[in-house]
Amino acid sequence: MTKQRVELNVNGEIHEIQVEPRKLLAYALRDECGLTGTHVGCDSSSCGCCVVVLDGETPVKSCTMFAVQAEGHDITTVEGLAQGGQLHPLQQGFWDQHGLQCGYCTPGMLMTSYAMLKEYPEPTEEDVRKFLSGNLCRCTGYNNIVKAVLQAAKALGAEKSEPETTAADD
C-alpha cells in the first residue's frame, strides 16, 4: 500500500511522517513519532489505554482513528502533560493517591481525566466515575484513581484562584 505524508501536531511539536492510510493514530504516535506513552490494550476501543486529547478538549481512543484523520488537529498525549519539569496536577494526584499499580492503563486514565477537567473543572465523585467508565483498570479498583482526579481538580481550582503577581508586588 502506498504511504501518505501526514503532518501531526503532537504536544506542540510538528511530526512529518509517512504512513499507510490505514495506520491507526495510536501506532503512528508510538512507531513514527516515538511517543510510547500511549498504550494499546485491546485494538477494539474497549479499554481506553490509548486515549489522547484532540484540540485541547476532546478525548479520543486513538486505536479508533487513522493517523491521516488526525492531520490538522492538535494532539495531546500523556507526554505533553508535564510542563517545565513539573508534573501536571493529575500526574501528581495519581502519585499521591496511589492511583496506579501496573501503570498500563494510567496514560489513558490521565488523558480522559484531563479532558474531563477541561469540561467539568469541579467534578463530583459520580462525575469522575461516569467519565472514566470507558477506561478499564484491572489492578486498582478505581477508588484511588477517583481520589487522584478529585485531588487534581482541587489543585487546578486553587491554581486558578491564586492572585497573579505583578512586578509591583515583588
N, C-alpha and C. Protein backbone atom coordinates (compact mmCIF):
# COMPACT_ATOMS: atom_id res chain seq x y z
N MET A 1 0.84 -1.18 0.00
CA MET A 1 0.00 0.00 0.00
C MET A 1 0.89 1.24 0.00
N THR A 2 0.48 2.25 -0.70
CA THR A 2 1.23 3.49 -0.80
C THR A 2 1.15 4.28 0.50
N LYS A 3 2.31 4.81 0.90
CA LYS A 3 2.33 5.63 2.11
C LYS A 3 1.96 7.06 1.76
N GLN A 4 1.42 7.73 2.75
CA GLN A 4 0.96 9.10 2.60
C GLN A 4 1.70 9.98 3.60
N ARG A 5 2.08 11.17 3.16
CA ARG A 5 2.73 12.12 4.06
C ARG A 5 1.67 12.76 4.94
N VAL A 6 1.92 12.76 6.24
CA VAL A 6 0.99 13.34 7.21
C VAL A 6 1.79 14.22 8.15
N GLU A 7 1.23 15.35 8.47
CA GLU A 7 1.85 16.27 9.43
C GLU A 7 0.98 16.28 10.69
N LEU A 8 1.55 15.78 11.79
CA LEU A 8 0.83 15.74 13.05
C LEU A 8 1.41 16.75 14.02
N ASN A 9 0.55 17.51 14.66
CA ASN A 9 0.97 18.44 15.71
C ASN A 9 0.72 17.74 17.04
N VAL A 10 1.79 17.22 17.63
CA VAL A 10 1.68 16.45 18.86
C VAL A 10 2.42 17.18 19.97
N ASN A 11 1.69 17.51 21.01
CA ASN A 11 2.27 18.21 22.17
C ASN A 11 3.01 19.47 21.75
N GLY A 12 2.47 20.14 20.74
CA GLY A 12 3.06 21.39 20.27
C GLY A 12 4.24 21.24 19.33
N GLU A 13 4.57 20.01 18.97
CA GLU A 13 5.69 19.75 18.06
C GLU A 13 5.16 19.12 16.78
N ILE A 14 5.64 19.60 15.64
CA ILE A 14 5.20 19.06 14.35
C ILE A 14 6.02 17.81 14.02
N HIS A 15 5.31 16.75 13.66
CA HIS A 15 5.93 15.50 13.22
C HIS A 15 5.49 15.24 11.79
N GLU A 16 6.43 15.25 10.86
CA GLU A 16 6.12 14.90 9.47
C GLU A 16 6.45 13.43 9.31
N ILE A 17 5.42 12.63 9.04
CA ILE A 17 5.60 11.19 8.96
C ILE A 17 5.02 10.65 7.66
N GLN A 18 5.43 9.46 7.30
CA GLN A 18 4.91 8.74 6.14
C GLN A 18 4.20 7.50 6.68
N VAL A 19 2.90 7.39 6.42
CA VAL A 19 2.14 6.25 6.92
C VAL A 19 1.21 5.70 5.85
N GLU A 20 0.89 4.44 5.99
CA GLU A 20 -0.17 3.88 5.16
C GLU A 20 -1.48 4.51 5.64
N PRO A 21 -2.40 4.78 4.73
CA PRO A 21 -3.65 5.44 5.12
C PRO A 21 -4.44 4.69 6.20
N ARG A 22 -4.20 3.40 6.34
CA ARG A 22 -4.94 2.61 7.32
C ARG A 22 -4.24 2.52 8.68
N LYS A 23 -3.10 3.19 8.84
CA LYS A 23 -2.36 3.12 10.11
C LYS A 23 -3.12 3.91 11.17
N LEU A 24 -3.35 3.25 12.30
CA LEU A 24 -4.07 3.89 13.39
C LEU A 24 -3.20 4.92 14.09
N LEU A 25 -3.84 5.96 14.60
CA LEU A 25 -3.12 7.03 15.27
C LEU A 25 -2.28 6.50 16.43
N ALA A 26 -2.81 5.57 17.19
CA ALA A 26 -2.05 5.02 18.32
C ALA A 26 -0.70 4.48 17.87
N TYR A 27 -0.69 3.74 16.77
CA TYR A 27 0.55 3.15 16.28
C TYR A 27 1.45 4.19 15.62
N ALA A 28 0.86 5.19 14.98
CA ALA A 28 1.67 6.26 14.39
C ALA A 28 2.39 7.03 15.49
N LEU A 29 1.69 7.31 16.59
CA LEU A 29 2.32 8.02 17.71
C LEU A 29 3.48 7.21 18.26
N ARG A 30 3.27 5.92 18.43
CA ARG A 30 4.31 5.06 19.01
C ARG A 30 5.44 4.79 18.02
N ASP A 31 5.10 4.36 16.81
CA ASP A 31 6.11 3.89 15.86
C ASP A 31 6.79 5.01 15.08
N GLU A 32 6.03 6.01 14.69
CA GLU A 32 6.58 7.06 13.82
C GLU A 32 7.05 8.28 14.61
N CYS A 33 6.35 8.59 15.69
CA CYS A 33 6.70 9.79 16.48
C CYS A 33 7.56 9.46 17.69
N GLY A 34 7.67 8.17 18.02
CA GLY A 34 8.49 7.76 19.17
C GLY A 34 7.87 8.08 20.52
N LEU A 35 6.57 8.31 20.55
CA LEU A 35 5.87 8.63 21.79
C LEU A 35 5.17 7.37 22.30
N THR A 36 5.83 6.66 23.17
CA THR A 36 5.35 5.34 23.59
C THR A 36 4.47 5.39 24.84
N GLY A 37 4.14 6.57 25.32
CA GLY A 37 3.26 6.67 26.48
C GLY A 37 1.84 6.25 26.18
N THR A 38 1.41 6.41 24.95
CA THR A 38 0.07 5.98 24.55
C THR A 38 0.11 4.47 24.37
N HIS A 39 -0.66 3.77 25.19
CA HIS A 39 -0.65 2.30 25.17
C HIS A 39 -1.84 1.78 24.37
N VAL A 40 -1.68 0.60 23.83
CA VAL A 40 -2.76 -0.08 23.13
C VAL A 40 -3.02 -1.38 23.88
N GLY A 41 -4.20 -1.48 24.47
CA GLY A 41 -4.52 -2.65 25.26
C GLY A 41 -5.47 -3.61 24.59
N CYS A 42 -6.22 -3.14 23.58
CA CYS A 42 -7.26 -4.01 23.04
C CYS A 42 -7.42 -3.92 21.53
N ASP A 43 -7.08 -2.80 20.92
CA ASP A 43 -7.29 -2.60 19.48
C ASP A 43 -8.77 -2.63 19.08
N SER A 44 -9.66 -2.48 20.06
CA SER A 44 -11.09 -2.55 19.73
C SER A 44 -11.91 -1.48 20.44
N SER A 45 -11.27 -0.45 20.96
CA SER A 45 -11.96 0.66 21.62
C SER A 45 -12.65 0.25 22.91
N SER A 46 -12.15 -0.79 23.55
CA SER A 46 -12.79 -1.28 24.77
C SER A 46 -12.13 -0.81 26.05
N CYS A 47 -10.81 -0.58 26.03
CA CYS A 47 -10.10 -0.40 27.30
C CYS A 47 -9.76 1.04 27.65
N GLY A 48 -9.59 1.92 26.67
CA GLY A 48 -9.27 3.31 26.95
C GLY A 48 -7.80 3.60 27.22
N CYS A 49 -6.93 2.61 27.11
CA CYS A 49 -5.50 2.83 27.36
C CYS A 49 -4.88 3.80 26.35
N CYS A 50 -5.49 3.92 25.20
CA CYS A 50 -4.90 4.69 24.09
C CYS A 50 -5.46 6.10 23.96
N VAL A 51 -6.17 6.59 24.96
CA VAL A 51 -6.81 7.90 24.84
C VAL A 51 -5.78 9.01 24.70
N VAL A 52 -6.02 9.88 23.73
CA VAL A 52 -5.29 11.13 23.55
C VAL A 52 -6.35 12.23 23.51
N VAL A 53 -5.91 13.47 23.60
CA VAL A 53 -6.86 14.59 23.57
C VAL A 53 -6.64 15.38 22.30
N LEU A 54 -7.72 15.59 21.55
CA LEU A 54 -7.66 16.39 20.32
C LEU A 54 -8.13 17.81 20.60
N ASP A 55 -7.38 18.75 20.06
CA ASP A 55 -7.74 20.16 20.11
C ASP A 55 -8.01 20.66 21.53
N GLY A 56 -7.29 20.09 22.48
CA GLY A 56 -7.33 20.57 23.85
C GLY A 56 -8.52 20.17 24.68
N GLU A 57 -9.47 19.43 24.08
CA GLU A 57 -10.67 19.14 24.86
C GLU A 57 -11.35 17.80 24.58
N THR A 58 -11.12 17.20 23.44
CA THR A 58 -11.87 16.00 23.07
C THR A 58 -11.06 14.74 23.28
N PRO A 59 -11.47 13.87 24.23
CA PRO A 59 -10.76 12.61 24.40
C PRO A 59 -11.11 11.65 23.26
N VAL A 60 -10.09 11.04 22.68
CA VAL A 60 -10.29 10.13 21.55
C VAL A 60 -9.50 8.86 21.80
N LYS A 61 -10.14 7.74 21.59
CA LYS A 61 -9.41 6.47 21.65
C LYS A 61 -8.64 6.35 20.35
N SER A 62 -7.33 6.49 20.44
CA SER A 62 -6.50 6.59 19.24
C SER A 62 -6.40 5.28 18.47
N CYS A 63 -6.94 4.19 19.02
CA CYS A 63 -6.99 2.94 18.26
C CYS A 63 -8.20 2.91 17.33
N THR A 64 -9.01 3.98 17.37
CA THR A 64 -10.20 4.05 16.51
C THR A 64 -10.08 5.14 15.46
N MET A 65 -8.93 5.78 15.39
CA MET A 65 -8.74 6.90 14.46
C MET A 65 -7.51 6.66 13.62
N PHE A 66 -7.63 6.90 12.34
CA PHE A 66 -6.46 6.79 11.47
C PHE A 66 -5.57 8.01 11.66
N ALA A 67 -4.29 7.82 11.51
CA ALA A 67 -3.34 8.93 11.63
C ALA A 67 -3.67 10.04 10.63
N VAL A 68 -4.08 9.66 9.43
CA VAL A 68 -4.40 10.68 8.41
C VAL A 68 -5.59 11.54 8.84
N GLN A 69 -6.48 11.00 9.66
CA GLN A 69 -7.62 11.77 10.15
C GLN A 69 -7.21 12.81 11.20
N ALA A 70 -6.08 12.59 11.83
CA ALA A 70 -5.62 13.49 12.89
C ALA A 70 -4.89 14.72 12.36
N GLU A 71 -4.56 14.70 11.08
CA GLU A 71 -3.87 15.85 10.50
C GLU A 71 -4.76 17.08 10.63
N GLY A 72 -4.15 18.19 11.03
CA GLY A 72 -4.89 19.43 11.22
C GLY A 72 -5.44 19.61 12.62
N HIS A 73 -5.26 18.62 13.47
CA HIS A 73 -5.70 18.72 14.86
C HIS A 73 -4.49 18.85 15.76
N ASP A 74 -4.69 19.47 16.91
CA ASP A 74 -3.66 19.49 17.94
C ASP A 74 -3.88 18.25 18.80
N ILE A 75 -2.84 17.44 18.93
CA ILE A 75 -2.93 16.19 19.67
C ILE A 75 -2.12 16.33 20.95
N THR A 76 -2.73 15.99 22.07
CA THR A 76 -2.00 15.97 23.34
C THR A 76 -1.95 14.53 23.81
N THR A 77 -0.73 14.06 24.08
CA THR A 77 -0.52 12.73 24.63
C THR A 77 -0.08 12.88 26.08
N VAL A 78 0.05 11.77 26.76
CA VAL A 78 0.48 11.81 28.16
C VAL A 78 1.84 12.48 28.31
N GLU A 79 2.68 12.38 27.29
CA GLU A 79 3.99 13.04 27.35
C GLU A 79 3.86 14.56 27.37
N GLY A 80 2.73 15.08 26.95
CA GLY A 80 2.53 16.52 26.90
C GLY A 80 1.93 17.12 28.16
N LEU A 81 1.65 16.31 29.17
CA LEU A 81 1.04 16.85 30.38
C LEU A 81 2.02 17.62 31.26
N ALA A 82 3.15 17.02 31.57
CA ALA A 82 4.14 17.69 32.43
C ALA A 82 4.72 18.89 31.70
N GLN A 83 4.89 19.97 32.42
CA GLN A 83 5.43 21.20 31.82
C GLN A 83 6.59 21.71 32.67
N GLY A 84 7.67 22.05 32.01
CA GLY A 84 8.81 22.64 32.71
C GLY A 84 9.37 21.77 33.82
N GLY A 85 9.33 20.46 33.62
CA GLY A 85 9.85 19.55 34.63
C GLY A 85 8.92 19.33 35.82
N GLN A 86 7.74 19.92 35.78
CA GLN A 86 6.76 19.77 36.86
C GLN A 86 5.64 18.83 36.42
N LEU A 87 5.30 17.90 37.29
CA LEU A 87 4.17 17.03 36.98
C LEU A 87 2.90 17.86 36.87
N HIS A 88 2.03 17.46 35.97
CA HIS A 88 0.70 18.05 35.90
C HIS A 88 -0.03 17.65 37.19
N PRO A 89 -0.95 18.47 37.69
CA PRO A 89 -1.69 18.09 38.90
C PRO A 89 -2.34 16.71 38.82
N LEU A 90 -2.76 16.27 37.65
CA LEU A 90 -3.30 14.91 37.53
C LEU A 90 -2.22 13.87 37.81
N GLN A 91 -1.05 14.07 37.23
CA GLN A 91 0.04 13.13 37.46
C GLN A 91 0.42 13.12 38.94
N GLN A 92 0.46 14.30 39.55
CA GLN A 92 0.79 14.40 40.98
C GLN A 92 -0.28 13.69 41.81
N GLY A 93 -1.54 13.88 41.43
CA GLY A 93 -2.63 13.21 42.13
C GLY A 93 -2.52 11.70 42.06
N PHE A 94 -2.20 11.18 40.88
CA PHE A 94 -2.05 9.73 40.74
C PHE A 94 -0.90 9.23 41.61
N TRP A 95 0.16 10.01 41.68
CA TRP A 95 1.31 9.65 42.52
C TRP A 95 0.91 9.68 44.00
N ASP A 96 0.32 10.79 44.43
CA ASP A 96 -0.04 10.97 45.84
C ASP A 96 -1.08 9.96 46.31
N GLN A 97 -2.05 9.68 45.47
CA GLN A 97 -3.18 8.82 45.86
C GLN A 97 -2.98 7.35 45.48
N HIS A 98 -1.81 7.02 44.98
CA HIS A 98 -1.52 5.64 44.55
C HIS A 98 -2.57 5.17 43.54
N GLY A 99 -2.80 6.01 42.54
CA GLY A 99 -3.82 5.74 41.53
C GLY A 99 -3.35 4.85 40.41
N LEU A 100 -2.32 4.08 40.65
CA LEU A 100 -1.84 3.14 39.64
C LEU A 100 -1.16 1.98 40.33
N GLN A 101 -1.15 0.87 39.64
CA GLN A 101 -0.38 -0.27 40.11
C GLN A 101 0.54 -0.72 38.99
N CYS A 102 0.01 -1.43 38.01
CA CYS A 102 0.89 -1.84 36.91
C CYS A 102 1.21 -0.66 36.00
N GLY A 103 0.31 0.32 35.93
CA GLY A 103 0.54 1.53 35.15
C GLY A 103 0.12 1.46 33.70
N TYR A 104 -0.32 0.31 33.23
CA TYR A 104 -0.63 0.20 31.81
C TYR A 104 -1.80 1.09 31.40
N CYS A 105 -2.82 1.18 32.23
CA CYS A 105 -3.99 2.00 31.89
C CYS A 105 -3.80 3.47 32.22
N THR A 106 -2.76 3.79 32.98
CA THR A 106 -2.59 5.14 33.51
C THR A 106 -2.58 6.24 32.44
N PRO A 107 -1.86 6.11 31.33
CA PRO A 107 -1.91 7.19 30.34
C PRO A 107 -3.32 7.49 29.85
N GLY A 108 -4.10 6.47 29.59
CA GLY A 108 -5.48 6.69 29.15
C GLY A 108 -6.34 7.31 30.23
N MET A 109 -6.15 6.87 31.47
CA MET A 109 -6.88 7.46 32.59
C MET A 109 -6.53 8.94 32.73
N LEU A 110 -5.24 9.24 32.64
CA LEU A 110 -4.79 10.63 32.76
C LEU A 110 -5.39 11.51 31.67
N MET A 111 -5.35 11.02 30.44
CA MET A 111 -5.81 11.84 29.32
C MET A 111 -7.34 12.01 29.33
N THR A 112 -8.06 10.97 29.70
CA THR A 112 -9.51 11.09 29.82
C THR A 112 -9.86 12.08 30.93
N SER A 113 -9.14 11.99 32.04
CA SER A 113 -9.37 12.91 33.17
C SER A 113 -9.01 14.34 32.79
N TYR A 114 -7.94 14.50 32.04
CA TYR A 114 -7.52 15.82 31.58
C TYR A 114 -8.64 16.48 30.77
N ALA A 115 -9.21 15.72 29.85
CA ALA A 115 -10.31 16.25 29.03
C ALA A 115 -11.53 16.54 29.90
N MET A 116 -11.82 15.67 30.85
CA MET A 116 -12.97 15.86 31.73
C MET A 116 -12.83 17.15 32.53
N LEU A 117 -11.63 17.40 33.06
CA LEU A 117 -11.43 18.59 33.89
C LEU A 117 -11.51 19.88 33.09
N LYS A 118 -11.29 19.80 31.79
CA LYS A 118 -11.49 20.97 30.93
C LYS A 118 -12.98 21.30 30.86
N GLU A 119 -13.80 20.26 30.79
CA GLU A 119 -15.25 20.44 30.66
C GLU A 119 -15.94 20.60 32.02
N TYR A 120 -15.46 19.86 33.01
CA TYR A 120 -16.04 19.89 34.36
C TYR A 120 -14.93 20.16 35.38
N PRO A 121 -14.59 21.43 35.61
CA PRO A 121 -13.47 21.74 36.49
C PRO A 121 -13.71 21.40 37.96
N GLU A 122 -14.96 21.23 38.35
CA GLU A 122 -15.28 20.88 39.74
C GLU A 122 -16.14 19.62 39.76
N PRO A 123 -15.58 18.49 39.36
CA PRO A 123 -16.39 17.27 39.26
C PRO A 123 -16.71 16.68 40.63
N THR A 124 -17.81 15.96 40.67
CA THR A 124 -18.13 15.16 41.84
C THR A 124 -17.52 13.77 41.63
N GLU A 125 -17.54 12.97 42.67
CA GLU A 125 -17.05 11.60 42.54
C GLU A 125 -17.85 10.87 41.46
N GLU A 126 -19.15 11.09 41.43
CA GLU A 126 -20.00 10.45 40.43
C GLU A 126 -19.61 10.89 39.01
N ASP A 127 -19.32 12.18 38.84
CA ASP A 127 -18.88 12.68 37.53
C ASP A 127 -17.62 11.95 37.07
N VAL A 128 -16.66 11.83 37.97
CA VAL A 128 -15.38 11.19 37.62
C VAL A 128 -15.63 9.74 37.23
N ARG A 129 -16.39 9.03 38.03
CA ARG A 129 -16.67 7.62 37.73
C ARG A 129 -17.38 7.46 36.39
N LYS A 130 -18.33 8.34 36.13
CA LYS A 130 -19.07 8.27 34.86
C LYS A 130 -18.14 8.55 33.68
N PHE A 131 -17.31 9.59 33.80
CA PHE A 131 -16.43 9.97 32.70
C PHE A 131 -15.39 8.89 32.43
N LEU A 132 -14.93 8.22 33.48
CA LEU A 132 -13.90 7.18 33.32
C LEU A 132 -14.50 5.80 33.03
N SER A 133 -15.79 5.72 32.83
CA SER A 133 -16.42 4.41 32.61
C SER A 133 -15.94 3.72 31.34
N GLY A 134 -15.36 4.45 30.42
CA GLY A 134 -14.82 3.86 29.19
C GLY A 134 -13.36 3.45 29.30
N ASN A 135 -12.80 3.60 30.50
CA ASN A 135 -11.41 3.22 30.74
C ASN A 135 -11.38 2.05 31.72
N LEU A 136 -10.69 0.99 31.33
CA LEU A 136 -10.61 -0.19 32.18
C LEU A 136 -9.30 -0.23 32.95
N CYS A 137 -9.41 -0.63 34.22
CA CYS A 137 -8.24 -0.88 35.05
C CYS A 137 -8.47 -2.21 35.73
N ARG A 138 -7.54 -3.11 35.58
CA ARG A 138 -7.70 -4.43 36.16
C ARG A 138 -6.99 -4.56 37.51
N CYS A 139 -6.31 -3.50 37.95
CA CYS A 139 -5.49 -3.59 39.16
C CYS A 139 -6.03 -2.84 40.36
N THR A 140 -6.55 -1.63 40.18
CA THR A 140 -6.74 -0.74 41.32
C THR A 140 -8.13 -0.72 41.93
N GLY A 141 -9.15 -1.11 41.21
CA GLY A 141 -10.50 -0.98 41.74
C GLY A 141 -11.04 0.44 41.65
N TYR A 142 -10.32 1.34 41.03
CA TYR A 142 -10.77 2.69 40.68
C TYR A 142 -10.82 3.70 41.83
N ASN A 143 -10.94 3.27 43.08
CA ASN A 143 -11.11 4.23 44.17
C ASN A 143 -9.97 5.24 44.23
N ASN A 144 -8.74 4.77 44.15
CA ASN A 144 -7.61 5.70 44.23
C ASN A 144 -7.49 6.56 42.97
N ILE A 145 -7.92 6.04 41.85
CA ILE A 145 -7.93 6.84 40.62
C ILE A 145 -8.91 8.00 40.77
N VAL A 146 -10.08 7.71 41.30
CA VAL A 146 -11.08 8.76 41.52
C VAL A 146 -10.55 9.80 42.51
N LYS A 147 -9.93 9.34 43.59
CA LYS A 147 -9.34 10.27 44.57
C LYS A 147 -8.28 11.14 43.90
N ALA A 148 -7.49 10.56 43.04
CA ALA A 148 -6.42 11.29 42.34
C ALA A 148 -7.00 12.39 41.46
N VAL A 149 -8.06 12.08 40.74
CA VAL A 149 -8.68 13.07 39.85
C VAL A 149 -9.31 14.19 40.67
N LEU A 150 -9.96 13.85 41.78
CA LEU A 150 -10.56 14.87 42.63
C LEU A 150 -9.48 15.76 43.25
N GLN A 151 -8.35 15.17 43.64
CA GLN A 151 -7.23 15.97 44.16
C GLN A 151 -6.74 16.94 43.10
N ALA A 152 -6.61 16.46 41.87
CA ALA A 152 -6.14 17.31 40.77
C ALA A 152 -7.13 18.45 40.50
N ALA A 153 -8.41 18.15 40.54
CA ALA A 153 -9.43 19.19 40.31
C ALA A 153 -9.30 20.28 41.36
N LYS A 154 -9.10 19.86 42.59
CA LYS A 154 -8.93 20.83 43.68
C LYS A 154 -7.67 21.66 43.47
N ALA A 155 -6.58 21.01 43.11
CA ALA A 155 -5.31 21.72 42.88
C ALA A 155 -5.42 22.69 41.71
N LEU A 156 -6.06 22.26 40.63
CA LEU A 156 -6.23 23.13 39.47
C LEU A 156 -7.12 24.32 39.80
N GLY A 157 -8.14 24.09 40.62
CA GLY A 157 -9.02 25.18 41.05
C GLY A 157 -8.26 26.18 41.91
N ALA A 158 -7.38 25.68 42.76
CA ALA A 158 -6.57 26.56 43.61
C ALA A 158 -5.61 27.38 42.77
N GLU A 159 -5.04 26.77 41.72
CA GLU A 159 -4.14 27.50 40.82
C GLU A 159 -4.86 28.66 40.15
N LYS A 160 -6.10 28.42 39.75
CA LYS A 160 -6.86 29.46 39.06
C LYS A 160 -7.27 30.59 39.99
N SER A 161 -7.44 30.28 41.29
CA SER A 161 -7.89 31.31 42.22
C SER A 161 -6.75 32.09 42.84
N GLU A 162 -5.51 31.67 42.62
CA GLU A 162 -4.36 32.41 43.14
C GLU A 162 -4.26 33.74 42.42
N PRO A 163 -4.08 34.83 43.18
CA PRO A 163 -3.94 36.13 42.52
C PRO A 163 -2.64 36.19 41.73
N GLU A 164 -2.70 36.84 40.58
CA GLU A 164 -1.50 37.00 39.77
C GLU A 164 -0.63 38.07 40.40
N THR A 165 0.68 37.83 40.39
CA THR A 165 1.60 38.83 40.92
C THR A 165 2.13 39.67 39.77
N THR A 166 2.41 40.89 40.08
CA THR A 166 2.99 41.80 39.09
C THR A 166 4.33 42.26 39.60
N ALA A 167 5.06 42.95 38.77
CA ALA A 167 6.38 43.46 39.16
C ALA A 167 6.25 44.37 40.38
N ALA A 168 5.15 45.08 40.51
CA ALA A 168 4.94 45.98 41.65
C ALA A 168 4.77 45.20 42.95
N ASP A 169 4.32 43.92 42.85
CA ASP A 169 4.12 43.09 44.03
C ASP A 169 5.43 42.57 44.60
N ASP A 170 6.48 42.55 43.80
CA ASP A 170 7.75 41.96 44.23
C ASP A 170 8.50 42.82 45.18
